[in-house]
N, C-alpha and C. Protein backbone atom coordinates (compact mmCIF):
# COMPACT_ATOMS: atom_id res chain seq x y z
N UNK A 1 7.43 18.66 -4.61
CA UNK A 1 7.18 17.59 -5.56
C UNK A 1 7.58 18.08 -6.96
N UNK A 2 8.30 17.24 -7.69
CA UNK A 2 8.74 17.60 -9.03
C UNK A 2 7.78 17.08 -10.08
N UNK A 3 8.04 17.45 -11.33
CA UNK A 3 7.22 16.98 -12.45
C UNK A 3 7.35 15.47 -12.65
N UNK A 4 8.40 14.88 -12.10
CA UNK A 4 8.64 13.46 -12.27
C UNK A 4 7.89 12.62 -11.23
N UNK A 5 7.32 13.28 -10.22
CA UNK A 5 6.62 12.58 -9.14
C UNK A 5 5.11 12.72 -9.34
N UNK A 6 4.38 11.68 -8.98
CA UNK A 6 2.93 11.65 -9.11
C UNK A 6 2.32 11.79 -7.72
N UNK A 7 1.36 12.70 -7.59
CA UNK A 7 0.63 12.83 -6.33
C UNK A 7 -0.42 11.72 -6.30
N UNK A 8 -0.30 10.83 -5.32
CA UNK A 8 -1.23 9.72 -5.19
C UNK A 8 -2.20 10.04 -4.05
N UNK A 9 -3.48 9.85 -4.31
CA UNK A 9 -4.52 10.16 -3.33
C UNK A 9 -5.42 8.94 -3.13
N UNK A 10 -6.29 9.05 -2.13
CA UNK A 10 -7.29 8.01 -1.92
C UNK A 10 -8.10 7.78 -3.20
N UNK A 11 -8.36 8.87 -3.93
CA UNK A 11 -9.21 8.81 -5.11
C UNK A 11 -8.51 8.22 -6.34
N UNK A 12 -7.21 8.50 -6.55
CA UNK A 12 -6.57 8.06 -7.79
C UNK A 12 -5.64 6.85 -7.61
N UNK A 13 -5.59 6.27 -6.41
CA UNK A 13 -4.67 5.16 -6.14
C UNK A 13 -4.84 4.01 -7.13
N UNK A 14 -6.07 3.56 -7.33
CA UNK A 14 -6.30 2.42 -8.22
C UNK A 14 -5.84 2.72 -9.64
N UNK A 15 -6.13 3.91 -10.11
CA UNK A 15 -5.74 4.29 -11.47
C UNK A 15 -4.22 4.35 -11.62
N UNK A 16 -3.55 5.00 -10.66
CA UNK A 16 -2.10 5.21 -10.76
C UNK A 16 -1.31 3.96 -10.42
N UNK A 17 -1.67 3.29 -9.33
CA UNK A 17 -0.86 2.18 -8.83
C UNK A 17 -1.34 0.83 -9.35
N UNK A 18 -2.61 0.54 -9.17
CA UNK A 18 -3.12 -0.78 -9.57
C UNK A 18 -3.05 -0.97 -11.08
N UNK A 19 -3.18 0.12 -11.83
CA UNK A 19 -3.13 0.02 -13.28
C UNK A 19 -1.75 0.24 -13.87
N UNK A 20 -0.72 0.33 -13.04
CA UNK A 20 0.63 0.64 -13.51
C UNK A 20 1.24 -0.53 -14.27
N UNK A 21 1.95 -0.20 -15.33
CA UNK A 21 2.63 -1.23 -16.12
C UNK A 21 4.10 -1.36 -15.74
N UNK A 22 4.49 -0.66 -14.69
CA UNK A 22 5.86 -0.79 -14.16
C UNK A 22 5.80 -0.61 -12.65
N UNK A 23 6.88 -0.96 -11.94
CA UNK A 23 6.88 -0.84 -10.48
C UNK A 23 6.61 0.59 -10.02
N UNK A 24 6.00 0.70 -8.83
CA UNK A 24 5.68 2.00 -8.25
C UNK A 24 6.37 2.13 -6.90
N UNK A 25 7.13 3.21 -6.74
CA UNK A 25 7.74 3.56 -5.46
C UNK A 25 6.86 4.63 -4.84
N UNK A 26 6.35 4.37 -3.64
CA UNK A 26 5.47 5.35 -2.98
C UNK A 26 6.16 5.87 -1.73
N UNK A 27 6.20 7.19 -1.61
CA UNK A 27 6.72 7.87 -0.43
C UNK A 27 5.53 8.37 0.38
N UNK A 28 5.30 7.77 1.54
CA UNK A 28 4.27 8.24 2.47
C UNK A 28 4.91 9.29 3.37
N UNK A 29 4.36 10.49 3.39
CA UNK A 29 4.99 11.60 4.09
C UNK A 29 3.94 12.55 4.68
N UNK A 30 4.42 13.53 5.44
CA UNK A 30 3.59 14.64 5.91
C UNK A 30 4.44 15.90 5.82
N UNK A 31 3.80 17.02 5.55
CA UNK A 31 4.52 18.29 5.40
C UNK A 31 5.25 18.70 6.67
N UNK A 32 4.73 18.34 7.83
CA UNK A 32 5.32 18.76 9.11
C UNK A 32 6.46 17.84 9.57
N UNK A 33 6.71 16.76 8.86
CA UNK A 33 7.67 15.73 9.27
C UNK A 33 9.09 16.08 8.82
N UNK A 34 9.99 16.30 9.77
CA UNK A 34 11.37 16.64 9.47
C UNK A 34 12.10 15.60 8.64
N UNK A 35 12.10 14.32 9.05
CA UNK A 35 12.75 13.29 8.23
C UNK A 35 12.14 13.17 6.83
N UNK A 36 10.84 13.43 6.71
CA UNK A 36 10.19 13.40 5.39
C UNK A 36 10.76 14.51 4.51
N UNK A 37 10.98 15.69 5.09
CA UNK A 37 11.54 16.81 4.34
C UNK A 37 12.98 16.50 3.92
N UNK A 38 13.73 15.79 4.76
CA UNK A 38 15.09 15.40 4.41
C UNK A 38 15.10 14.37 3.28
N UNK A 39 14.09 13.51 3.25
CA UNK A 39 14.00 12.46 2.25
C UNK A 39 13.51 12.98 0.90
N UNK A 40 12.75 14.06 0.90
CA UNK A 40 12.11 14.58 -0.32
C UNK A 40 13.08 14.78 -1.49
N UNK A 41 14.26 15.40 -1.30
CA UNK A 41 15.15 15.58 -2.46
C UNK A 41 15.69 14.25 -3.00
N UNK A 42 15.84 13.26 -2.13
CA UNK A 42 16.30 11.94 -2.58
C UNK A 42 15.22 11.28 -3.43
N UNK A 43 13.97 11.38 -3.00
CA UNK A 43 12.85 10.83 -3.76
C UNK A 43 12.75 11.53 -5.11
N UNK A 44 12.92 12.85 -5.12
CA UNK A 44 12.88 13.61 -6.38
C UNK A 44 13.99 13.16 -7.31
N UNK A 45 15.18 12.96 -6.77
CA UNK A 45 16.32 12.52 -7.58
C UNK A 45 16.06 11.13 -8.18
N UNK A 46 15.50 10.24 -7.38
CA UNK A 46 15.17 8.90 -7.88
C UNK A 46 14.12 9.00 -8.99
N UNK A 47 13.14 9.86 -8.81
CA UNK A 47 12.10 10.04 -9.82
C UNK A 47 12.68 10.53 -11.14
N UNK A 48 13.66 11.42 -11.06
CA UNK A 48 14.27 11.98 -12.26
C UNK A 48 15.22 11.02 -12.96
N UNK A 49 15.84 10.11 -12.22
CA UNK A 49 16.88 9.26 -12.80
C UNK A 49 16.44 7.81 -13.05
N UNK A 50 15.25 7.43 -12.61
CA UNK A 50 14.78 6.05 -12.79
C UNK A 50 13.45 6.05 -13.56
N UNK A 51 13.54 6.13 -14.88
CA UNK A 51 12.30 6.16 -15.65
C UNK A 51 11.65 4.77 -15.80
N UNK A 52 12.31 3.75 -15.25
CA UNK A 52 11.74 2.40 -15.30
C UNK A 52 10.72 2.17 -14.17
N UNK A 53 10.54 3.17 -13.31
CA UNK A 53 9.55 3.08 -12.23
C UNK A 53 8.70 4.34 -12.21
N UNK A 54 7.56 4.23 -11.55
CA UNK A 54 6.72 5.39 -11.26
C UNK A 54 7.01 5.77 -9.81
N UNK A 55 7.24 7.04 -9.56
CA UNK A 55 7.49 7.51 -8.20
C UNK A 55 6.31 8.37 -7.78
N UNK A 56 5.65 7.94 -6.71
CA UNK A 56 4.49 8.65 -6.21
C UNK A 56 4.66 9.09 -4.77
N UNK A 57 3.90 10.11 -4.39
CA UNK A 57 3.94 10.62 -3.02
C UNK A 57 2.53 10.64 -2.47
N UNK A 58 2.40 10.18 -1.22
CA UNK A 58 1.11 10.18 -0.54
C UNK A 58 1.25 11.00 0.74
N UNK A 59 0.49 12.09 0.82
CA UNK A 59 0.44 12.88 2.05
C UNK A 59 -0.52 12.15 3.01
N UNK A 60 0.03 11.63 4.11
CA UNK A 60 -0.77 10.80 5.01
C UNK A 60 -1.88 11.59 5.70
N UNK A 61 -1.68 12.89 5.89
CA UNK A 61 -2.71 13.71 6.53
C UNK A 61 -3.91 13.92 5.61
N UNK A 62 -3.67 13.94 4.31
CA UNK A 62 -4.74 14.20 3.35
C UNK A 62 -5.38 12.93 2.81
N UNK A 63 -4.77 11.76 3.09
CA UNK A 63 -5.25 10.50 2.52
C UNK A 63 -5.36 9.41 3.59
N UNK A 64 -6.30 9.54 4.50
CA UNK A 64 -6.41 8.60 5.62
C UNK A 64 -6.73 7.17 5.19
N UNK A 65 -7.44 6.98 4.09
CA UNK A 65 -7.78 5.62 3.66
C UNK A 65 -6.52 4.87 3.21
N UNK A 66 -5.63 5.54 2.48
CA UNK A 66 -4.38 4.89 2.06
C UNK A 66 -3.47 4.65 3.25
N UNK A 67 -3.44 5.61 4.17
CA UNK A 67 -2.63 5.43 5.38
C UNK A 67 -3.08 4.20 6.15
N UNK A 68 -4.38 4.01 6.25
CA UNK A 68 -4.92 2.84 6.95
C UNK A 68 -4.65 1.56 6.16
N UNK A 69 -4.84 1.61 4.84
CA UNK A 69 -4.63 0.44 3.99
C UNK A 69 -3.20 -0.09 4.11
N UNK A 70 -2.23 0.82 4.21
CA UNK A 70 -0.83 0.42 4.30
C UNK A 70 -0.34 0.31 5.74
N UNK A 71 -1.22 0.56 6.71
CA UNK A 71 -0.85 0.43 8.12
C UNK A 71 0.24 1.40 8.55
N UNK A 72 0.15 2.63 8.07
CA UNK A 72 1.17 3.62 8.38
C UNK A 72 1.08 4.01 9.86
N UNK A 73 2.16 3.77 10.59
CA UNK A 73 2.24 4.18 11.99
C UNK A 73 3.43 5.09 12.22
N UNK A 74 4.35 5.12 11.27
CA UNK A 74 5.53 5.96 11.36
C UNK A 74 5.91 6.42 9.96
N UNK A 75 6.33 7.68 9.85
CA UNK A 75 6.74 8.22 8.56
C UNK A 75 8.11 8.86 8.68
N UNK A 76 8.83 8.98 7.58
CA UNK A 76 8.45 8.55 6.24
C UNK A 76 8.45 7.03 6.11
N UNK A 77 7.62 6.56 5.19
CA UNK A 77 7.58 5.13 4.87
C UNK A 77 7.58 5.01 3.36
N UNK A 78 8.47 4.17 2.87
CA UNK A 78 8.60 3.93 1.44
C UNK A 78 8.05 2.53 1.16
N UNK A 79 7.27 2.40 0.11
CA UNK A 79 6.77 1.09 -0.31
C UNK A 79 7.01 0.92 -1.80
N UNK A 80 7.38 -0.28 -2.19
CA UNK A 80 7.54 -0.62 -3.60
C UNK A 80 6.44 -1.62 -3.95
N UNK A 81 5.70 -1.30 -5.00
CA UNK A 81 4.59 -2.16 -5.43
C UNK A 81 4.88 -2.64 -6.86
N UNK A 82 4.88 -3.96 -7.03
CA UNK A 82 5.07 -4.56 -8.35
C UNK A 82 3.91 -5.50 -8.61
N UNK A 83 3.27 -5.32 -9.74
CA UNK A 83 2.12 -6.15 -10.12
C UNK A 83 1.05 -6.18 -9.02
N UNK A 84 0.82 -5.04 -8.41
CA UNK A 84 -0.22 -4.93 -7.39
C UNK A 84 0.15 -5.43 -6.01
N UNK A 85 1.36 -5.93 -5.83
CA UNK A 85 1.79 -6.47 -4.54
C UNK A 85 2.92 -5.64 -3.95
N UNK A 86 2.87 -5.41 -2.64
CA UNK A 86 3.96 -4.72 -1.95
C UNK A 86 5.14 -5.68 -1.87
N UNK A 87 6.26 -5.30 -2.48
CA UNK A 87 7.44 -6.18 -2.50
C UNK A 87 8.51 -5.73 -1.52
N UNK A 88 8.44 -4.47 -1.06
CA UNK A 88 9.44 -3.97 -0.11
C UNK A 88 8.90 -2.74 0.59
N UNK A 89 9.37 -2.54 1.83
CA UNK A 89 9.02 -1.35 2.61
C UNK A 89 10.24 -0.92 3.43
N UNK A 90 10.35 0.37 3.64
CA UNK A 90 11.36 0.92 4.54
C UNK A 90 10.70 2.04 5.33
N UNK A 91 10.95 2.06 6.63
CA UNK A 91 10.40 3.11 7.49
C UNK A 91 11.54 3.97 7.99
N UNK A 92 11.32 5.28 7.99
CA UNK A 92 12.33 6.21 8.46
C UNK A 92 13.19 6.72 7.33
N UNK A 93 14.04 7.67 7.66
CA UNK A 93 14.94 8.25 6.66
C UNK A 93 15.95 7.20 6.20
N UNK A 94 16.20 7.15 4.92
CA UNK A 94 17.27 6.29 4.40
C UNK A 94 17.89 6.97 3.18
N UNK A 95 19.09 6.57 2.85
CA UNK A 95 19.81 7.22 1.75
C UNK A 95 19.37 6.63 0.40
N UNK A 96 19.86 7.27 -0.67
CA UNK A 96 19.47 6.88 -2.02
C UNK A 96 19.83 5.42 -2.32
N UNK A 97 21.03 5.00 -1.91
CA UNK A 97 21.46 3.63 -2.19
C UNK A 97 20.54 2.60 -1.52
N UNK A 98 20.08 2.90 -0.32
CA UNK A 98 19.19 1.98 0.39
C UNK A 98 17.85 1.86 -0.35
N UNK A 99 17.37 2.97 -0.88
CA UNK A 99 16.10 2.95 -1.62
C UNK A 99 16.29 2.23 -2.93
N UNK A 100 17.36 2.54 -3.64
CA UNK A 100 17.61 1.87 -4.92
C UNK A 100 17.80 0.36 -4.74
N UNK A 101 18.26 -0.03 -3.57
CA UNK A 101 18.46 -1.45 -3.27
C UNK A 101 17.18 -2.25 -3.16
N UNK A 102 16.04 -1.59 -2.94
CA UNK A 102 14.78 -2.31 -2.82
C UNK A 102 13.91 -2.20 -4.08
N UNK A 103 14.41 -1.47 -5.07
CA UNK A 103 13.61 -1.30 -6.30
C UNK A 103 13.54 -2.58 -7.11
């Protein structure tokens, strides 16, 4: 995780996401997940190059309440939240252009 990414947890979700004044891209991942590890540098790159959004990461193993709230059954899963509403989701590995397309 880079300095441009925010660690989102069960405890700080409302503060970081619900109180956000710009869209939030959330990467739901696990440390043991191969596709998640492949996606991590792309998420970091998006965080560094898109200052118009907040980029957050949720470790599904450490945050079971958020995993349940978002119905996570497969990872990696990307969600875009605007004004408190999920506006887009993608499951599985995808390239930078595919992610930027849902922002």
